[in-house]
N, C-alpha and C. Protein backbone atom coordinates (compact mmCIF):
# COMPACT_ATOMS: atom_id res chain seq x y z
N MET A 1 82.84 -132.63 115.78
CA MET A 1 82.46 -131.40 115.12
C MET A 1 81.80 -130.74 116.20
N ASN A 2 81.97 -129.86 116.81
CA ASN A 2 80.65 -129.58 117.86
C ASN A 2 79.75 -128.27 117.29
N LEU A 3 78.66 -128.83 117.29
CA LEU A 3 77.57 -128.10 116.89
C LEU A 3 76.74 -127.05 117.66
N ILE A 4 76.72 -126.00 117.75
CA ILE A 4 75.67 -124.96 118.68
C ILE A 4 74.35 -124.94 118.31
N CYS A 5 73.59 -125.06 119.26
CA CYS A 5 72.25 -124.99 119.09
C CYS A 5 71.45 -124.27 120.33
N GLY A 6 71.35 -122.76 120.02
CA GLY A 6 71.05 -121.91 121.09
C GLY A 6 72.20 -121.96 122.32
N LYS A 7 71.90 -122.11 123.37
CA LYS A 7 72.87 -122.40 124.49
C LYS A 7 73.25 -123.53 124.51
N ASP A 8 72.93 -124.15 123.87
CA ASP A 8 73.28 -125.97 123.78
C ASP A 8 74.28 -126.24 123.08
N MET A 9 75.19 -127.21 123.35
CA MET A 9 76.36 -127.72 122.25
C MET A 9 76.18 -129.37 122.12
N PHE A 10 76.24 -130.03 120.88
CA PHE A 10 76.03 -131.10 120.82
C PHE A 10 77.72 -131.61 120.27
N ILE A 11 77.81 -132.97 120.42
CA ILE A 11 79.00 -133.47 119.80
C ILE A 11 78.78 -134.80 119.05
N PRO A 12 77.99 -134.74 117.59
CA PRO A 12 77.61 -135.91 117.25
C PRO A 12 78.87 -137.00 116.56
N ASP A 13 78.39 -138.13 116.57
CA ASP A 13 79.56 -139.15 116.17
C ASP A 13 79.97 -138.83 114.67
N ILE A 14 79.03 -138.56 114.06
CA ILE A 14 79.24 -138.38 112.37
C ILE A 14 78.39 -137.02 111.92
N ALA A 15 78.80 -136.20 111.44
CA ALA A 15 78.33 -134.72 110.78
C ALA A 15 78.49 -134.71 109.12
N VAL A 16 77.35 -134.72 108.53
CA VAL A 16 77.68 -134.14 107.32
C VAL A 16 76.83 -132.46 107.11
N LEU A 17 78.01 -131.59 106.95
CA LEU A 17 77.29 -129.98 106.80
C LEU A 17 77.26 -129.57 105.62
N ARG A 18 76.38 -128.35 105.45
CA ARG A 18 75.86 -127.71 104.45
C ARG A 18 77.29 -127.08 103.75
N SER A 19 77.93 -126.67 104.62
CA SER A 19 79.35 -126.08 104.09
C SER A 19 80.79 -126.97 104.96
N SER A 20 81.81 -126.88 104.59
CA SER A 20 83.24 -127.06 105.43
C SER A 20 83.27 -126.45 106.80
N GLY A 21 83.18 -127.19 107.61
CA GLY A 21 83.60 -126.99 109.19
C GLY A 21 84.96 -126.51 109.22
N GLY A 22 85.73 -126.93 108.62
CA GLY A 22 87.45 -127.09 108.47
C GLY A 22 87.63 -125.66 108.95
N GLY A 23 88.89 -126.21 109.99
CA GLY A 23 89.34 -124.86 110.46
C GLY A 23 88.36 -124.27 112.05
N ARG A 24 87.08 -124.48 111.86
CA ARG A 24 86.09 -124.16 113.02
C ARG A 24 86.23 -125.06 113.90
N SER A 25 86.11 -124.98 115.43
CA SER A 25 85.74 -125.68 116.74
C SER A 25 84.26 -125.98 116.55
N ALA A 26 83.48 -125.29 115.91
CA ALA A 26 81.95 -125.35 116.43
C ALA A 26 81.48 -124.68 115.11
N VAL A 27 80.18 -125.24 114.90
CA VAL A 27 79.34 -124.12 113.77
C VAL A 27 77.92 -124.50 114.26
N ASP A 28 76.77 -123.73 113.67
CA ASP A 28 75.39 -123.66 113.65
C ASP A 28 74.99 -124.88 113.34
N ILE A 29 73.91 -125.52 114.40
CA ILE A 29 73.37 -126.56 113.83
C ILE A 29 72.52 -126.44 112.52
N ALA A 30 72.48 -125.15 112.31
CA ALA A 30 71.65 -125.22 111.09
C ALA A 30 72.28 -125.55 109.88
N GLU A 31 73.95 -125.77 110.12
CA GLU A 31 74.72 -125.94 108.52
C GLU A 31 74.54 -127.95 108.92
N ALA A 32 73.68 -128.28 109.86
CA ALA A 32 74.05 -129.91 109.37
C ALA A 32 72.68 -130.23 108.89
N VAL A 33 73.17 -131.35 107.82
CA VAL A 33 72.09 -132.11 106.73
C VAL A 33 71.93 -133.34 107.64
N LEU A 34 72.84 -134.16 107.93
CA LEU A 34 72.49 -135.65 108.55
C LEU A 34 73.72 -135.22 109.82
N LEU A 35 73.01 -135.90 110.97
CA LEU A 35 73.87 -135.77 112.04
C LEU A 35 73.70 -137.65 112.37
N GLY A 36 74.80 -138.31 113.06
CA GLY A 36 74.64 -139.65 113.55
C GLY A 36 75.22 -139.97 114.78
N GLU A 37 74.40 -140.86 115.08
CA GLU A 37 74.80 -141.33 116.56
C GLU A 37 75.31 -142.78 116.60
N ILE A 38 76.62 -143.01 117.36
CA ILE A 38 76.71 -144.38 117.29
C ILE A 38 76.39 -145.03 118.85
N VAL A 39 75.16 -145.47 118.78
CA VAL A 39 74.66 -145.99 120.06
C VAL A 39 75.93 -147.11 121.08
N SER A 40 75.91 -146.40 122.31
CA SER A 40 76.91 -146.89 122.96
C SER A 40 76.03 -147.37 124.08
N PRO A 41 76.44 -148.46 124.76
CA PRO A 41 75.67 -149.18 125.95
C PRO A 41 75.24 -148.37 127.31
N GLY A 42 76.38 -147.49 127.52
CA GLY A 42 75.92 -146.48 128.45
C GLY A 42 75.40 -145.23 128.32
N ASN A 43 74.95 -145.11 127.35
CA ASN A 43 73.71 -143.82 126.60
C ASN A 43 73.36 -144.16 125.73
N ARG A 44 72.40 -145.44 125.71
CA ARG A 44 71.57 -145.83 124.93
C ARG A 44 70.54 -144.90 124.70
N ARG A 45 70.22 -144.75 125.79
CA ARG A 45 68.95 -143.40 126.00
C ARG A 45 69.23 -142.11 125.52
N LYS A 46 70.34 -141.60 125.40
CA LYS A 46 70.78 -140.43 124.89
C LYS A 46 70.77 -140.67 123.33
N ASP A 47 71.35 -141.39 123.34
CA ASP A 47 71.60 -142.13 121.56
C ASP A 47 70.47 -142.05 120.91
N VAL A 48 69.53 -142.84 121.53
CA VAL A 48 68.29 -143.57 120.44
C VAL A 48 67.28 -142.53 120.80
N ILE A 49 66.92 -141.80 122.05
CA ILE A 49 65.79 -140.96 122.24
C ILE A 49 66.07 -139.47 122.29
N ASP A 50 67.08 -138.99 123.08
CA ASP A 50 67.46 -137.84 123.15
C ASP A 50 67.95 -136.91 122.57
N ARG A 51 68.94 -137.50 121.85
CA ARG A 51 69.66 -136.81 120.70
C ARG A 51 68.60 -136.69 119.72
N PRO A 52 67.91 -137.69 118.92
CA PRO A 52 67.20 -137.39 117.97
C PRO A 52 65.89 -136.64 117.90
N ARG A 53 65.65 -136.32 119.37
CA ARG A 53 64.28 -135.56 119.86
C ARG A 53 65.02 -133.99 119.98
N GLU A 54 66.39 -134.00 120.14
CA GLU A 54 66.77 -132.27 120.33
C GLU A 54 67.23 -132.28 118.64
N TYR A 55 67.72 -132.91 118.09
CA TYR A 55 68.06 -132.81 116.74
C TYR A 55 66.56 -132.42 115.90
N ALA A 56 65.62 -133.01 115.89
CA ALA A 56 64.32 -132.88 115.22
C ALA A 56 63.98 -131.38 115.72
N ALA A 57 64.04 -130.97 116.81
CA ALA A 57 63.87 -129.88 117.75
C ALA A 57 64.34 -128.76 116.70
N ALA A 58 65.69 -129.02 116.54
CA ALA A 58 66.65 -128.20 115.72
C ALA A 58 66.40 -127.82 114.13
N GLY A 59 65.83 -129.24 113.84
CA GLY A 59 65.52 -129.09 112.21
C GLY A 59 66.57 -129.81 111.58
N VAL A 60 67.17 -130.84 112.02
CA VAL A 60 68.29 -131.19 111.10
C VAL A 60 67.65 -132.64 110.33
N PRO A 61 67.54 -132.23 109.24
CA PRO A 61 66.76 -133.13 108.44
C PRO A 61 67.03 -134.71 108.40
N TYR A 62 67.97 -135.17 108.31
CA TYR A 62 68.13 -136.67 108.44
C TYR A 62 69.13 -136.84 109.52
N VAL A 63 68.92 -138.12 110.69
CA VAL A 63 69.62 -138.78 111.54
C VAL A 63 70.08 -140.03 111.09
N LEU A 64 70.98 -140.51 111.14
CA LEU A 64 71.64 -141.75 111.08
C LEU A 64 71.89 -142.48 112.47
N ARG A 65 71.87 -143.83 112.62
CA ARG A 65 72.30 -144.55 113.93
C ARG A 65 72.48 -145.85 113.68
N VAL A 66 73.86 -145.58 114.20
CA VAL A 66 74.53 -147.15 113.98
C VAL A 66 74.70 -147.64 115.19
N ASP A 67 74.28 -148.64 115.29
CA ASP A 67 73.92 -149.76 116.70
C ASP A 67 74.68 -150.92 116.62
N LEU A 68 75.81 -151.12 117.43
CA LEU A 68 76.84 -152.68 116.91
C LEU A 68 76.47 -153.58 118.37
N ARG A 69 74.91 -153.24 118.85
CA ARG A 69 74.68 -153.98 119.96
C ARG A 69 74.77 -155.67 119.56
N ASN A 70 75.44 -156.13 120.42
CA ASN A 70 76.02 -157.73 120.57
C ASN A 70 76.88 -157.84 119.39
N ARG A 71 77.68 -156.89 118.94
CA ARG A 71 78.78 -157.21 117.52
C ARG A 71 77.62 -157.57 116.62
N VAL A 72 76.71 -157.15 116.35
CA VAL A 72 76.28 -156.95 115.30
C VAL A 72 75.39 -155.95 114.84
N PRO A 73 76.32 -155.36 113.62
CA PRO A 73 76.16 -154.10 113.82
C PRO A 73 74.70 -153.53 112.92
N ALA A 74 73.99 -152.46 112.77
CA ALA A 74 72.87 -152.36 112.32
C ALA A 74 72.98 -150.59 111.78
N LEU A 75 72.48 -150.22 111.11
CA LEU A 75 72.45 -148.79 110.41
C LEU A 75 70.89 -148.84 110.04
N ALA A 76 70.39 -147.27 110.58
CA ALA A 76 69.28 -146.91 110.11
C ALA A 76 69.16 -145.39 110.09
N LEU A 77 68.59 -144.85 108.71
CA LEU A 77 68.39 -143.37 108.34
C LEU A 77 66.83 -143.10 108.62
N TYR A 78 66.77 -141.78 109.27
CA TYR A 78 65.39 -141.35 109.67
C TYR A 78 65.71 -140.15 109.00
N GLU A 79 64.30 -139.48 108.29
CA GLU A 79 64.15 -138.57 107.82
C GLU A 79 62.84 -137.59 108.67
N LEU A 80 63.44 -136.30 108.78
CA LEU A 80 62.37 -135.37 109.71
C LEU A 80 61.51 -134.95 108.70
N VAL A 81 60.16 -135.49 109.29
CA VAL A 81 58.80 -135.35 108.67
C VAL A 81 57.95 -134.54 109.48
N ASP A 82 57.44 -133.45 109.36
CA ASP A 82 56.33 -132.90 110.16
C ASP A 82 57.06 -133.10 112.01
N GLY A 83 58.25 -132.58 112.00
CA GLY A 83 58.52 -132.11 113.50
C GLY A 83 58.95 -133.86 114.03
N GLU A 84 59.41 -135.10 113.27
CA GLU A 84 59.48 -136.35 113.70
C GLU A 84 60.36 -136.88 112.55
N TYR A 85 61.21 -137.89 113.37
CA TYR A 85 61.93 -138.75 112.49
C TYR A 85 61.15 -139.84 111.85
N ARG A 86 61.00 -140.32 110.82
CA ARG A 86 60.39 -141.43 110.19
C ARG A 86 61.51 -142.29 109.60
N PRO A 87 61.79 -143.35 109.39
CA PRO A 87 62.44 -144.15 109.27
C PRO A 87 62.24 -144.57 107.30
N LEU A 88 63.64 -144.46 107.13
CA LEU A 88 64.12 -144.38 105.59
C LEU A 88 64.38 -145.48 105.14
N SER A 89 65.37 -145.85 105.55
CA SER A 89 66.09 -147.16 105.21
C SER A 89 66.75 -147.69 106.71
N ALA A 90 67.01 -149.28 106.43
CA ALA A 90 67.53 -149.85 107.83
C ALA A 90 68.31 -151.04 106.85
N ALA A 91 69.25 -151.86 107.88
CA ALA A 91 70.02 -153.02 107.50
C ALA A 91 70.58 -153.31 108.51
N ALA A 92 70.95 -154.55 108.91
CA ALA A 92 71.73 -155.34 110.05
C ALA A 92 72.88 -156.17 108.88
N ALA A 93 73.70 -156.61 109.95
CA ALA A 93 75.16 -157.32 109.13
C ALA A 93 74.08 -158.34 108.61
N GLY A 94 75.01 -158.63 106.96
CA GLY A 94 74.55 -159.40 105.80
C GLY A 94 73.56 -159.25 105.01
N THR A 95 72.90 -158.15 105.14
CA THR A 95 72.29 -157.44 104.09
C THR A 95 73.11 -155.83 103.72
N THR A 96 72.64 -155.14 102.71
CA THR A 96 73.16 -154.07 102.30
C THR A 96 72.31 -152.67 102.69
N PHE A 97 72.89 -151.79 103.53
CA PHE A 97 71.91 -150.84 103.92
C PHE A 97 72.32 -149.67 102.59
N VAL A 98 70.99 -149.24 102.02
CA VAL A 98 71.44 -148.10 101.09
C VAL A 98 70.45 -147.12 101.52
N MET A 99 70.85 -145.98 100.97
CA MET A 99 70.27 -144.46 101.40
C MET A 99 70.31 -143.70 100.09
N ARG A 100 69.46 -143.10 99.77
CA ARG A 100 69.69 -142.43 98.61
C ARG A 100 69.41 -140.77 98.96
N GLN A 101 68.85 -140.16 100.13
CA GLN A 101 68.96 -139.14 100.50
C GLN A 101 69.88 -139.31 101.95
N PRO A 102 70.50 -137.79 102.22
CA PRO A 102 70.77 -136.81 101.34
C PRO A 102 71.78 -137.01 100.53
N PHE A 103 72.32 -138.11 100.08
CA PHE A 103 73.03 -138.36 99.00
C PHE A 103 73.25 -140.05 98.97
N GLU A 104 73.49 -140.69 97.90
CA GLU A 104 73.62 -141.93 97.75
C GLU A 104 74.89 -142.70 98.56
N PHE A 105 74.27 -143.62 99.39
CA PHE A 105 75.71 -144.27 100.16
C PHE A 105 75.16 -145.87 100.25
N SER A 106 76.06 -146.65 100.22
CA SER A 106 75.56 -148.22 100.57
C SER A 106 76.63 -148.77 101.12
N VAL A 107 76.24 -149.82 101.99
CA VAL A 107 77.19 -150.45 102.72
C VAL A 107 76.82 -151.64 103.16
N ASP A 108 77.22 -152.95 103.43
CA ASP A 108 76.84 -153.70 104.26
C ASP A 108 77.56 -153.72 106.35
N PRO A 109 76.71 -153.38 106.64
CA PRO A 109 76.76 -152.83 108.30
C PRO A 109 77.96 -153.81 108.64
N ALA A 110 78.15 -155.02 108.43
CA ALA A 110 79.35 -155.72 108.92
C ALA A 110 80.76 -155.28 108.40
N ASP A 111 80.61 -154.71 107.26
CA ASP A 111 81.79 -154.22 107.05
C ASP A 111 82.35 -152.98 107.82
N LEU A 112 81.36 -152.90 109.26
CA LEU A 112 82.00 -151.67 110.04
C LEU A 112 82.48 -152.04 110.77
N LEU A 113 82.87 -153.24 111.50
CA LEU A 113 83.45 -153.82 112.28
C LEU A 113 84.91 -154.68 111.80
N ASP A 114 85.96 -154.15 112.51
CA ASP A 114 87.30 -155.00 111.92
C ASP A 114 87.45 -155.70 112.27
N GLU A 115 86.97 -157.20 112.18
CA GLU A 115 87.24 -158.49 112.30
C GLU A 115 88.69 -159.36 111.94
N GLU A 116 89.20 -158.69 111.22
CA GLU A 116 90.62 -159.31 110.74
C GLU A 116 91.62 -159.56 111.77
N ALA A 117 92.36 -160.34 111.85
CA ALA A 117 93.20 -160.56 112.77
C ALA A 117 94.81 -159.94 112.19
N PRO A 118 95.35 -159.17 112.90
CA PRO A 118 96.53 -158.22 112.38
C PRO A 118 97.41 -159.22 111.57
N GLN A 119 98.30 -158.52 110.50
CA GLN A 119 98.98 -159.32 109.85
C GLN A 119 100.46 -159.49 110.57
N ALA A 120 100.97 -160.39 110.39
CA ALA A 120 102.27 -160.41 111.06
C ALA A 120 103.46 -160.30 110.16
């Protein structure tokens, strides 16, 4: 989903919106409840520092970071408080990531990797 913020456009890896974005190529960033970034090695600074700063400036209430560094998945959820993101929940593979806001969700980050061999 493309998100418009003034003259800027963002394309987060995960977007939870206040209303359906179905059929639209872009929505205003004010529709975002939670935006998520999957941290990529080549864009680490952008995914970890720059994007959250831009999302905070736009007033996005929650940010989710998915980090797969060294094939050890980790999830971290942040809530916007006084213009900055503060950690709410975090977990790495082998533990359970639990979030209660903005909706309830839990998963072992290890389940994010497809490690099974193809069936013959």
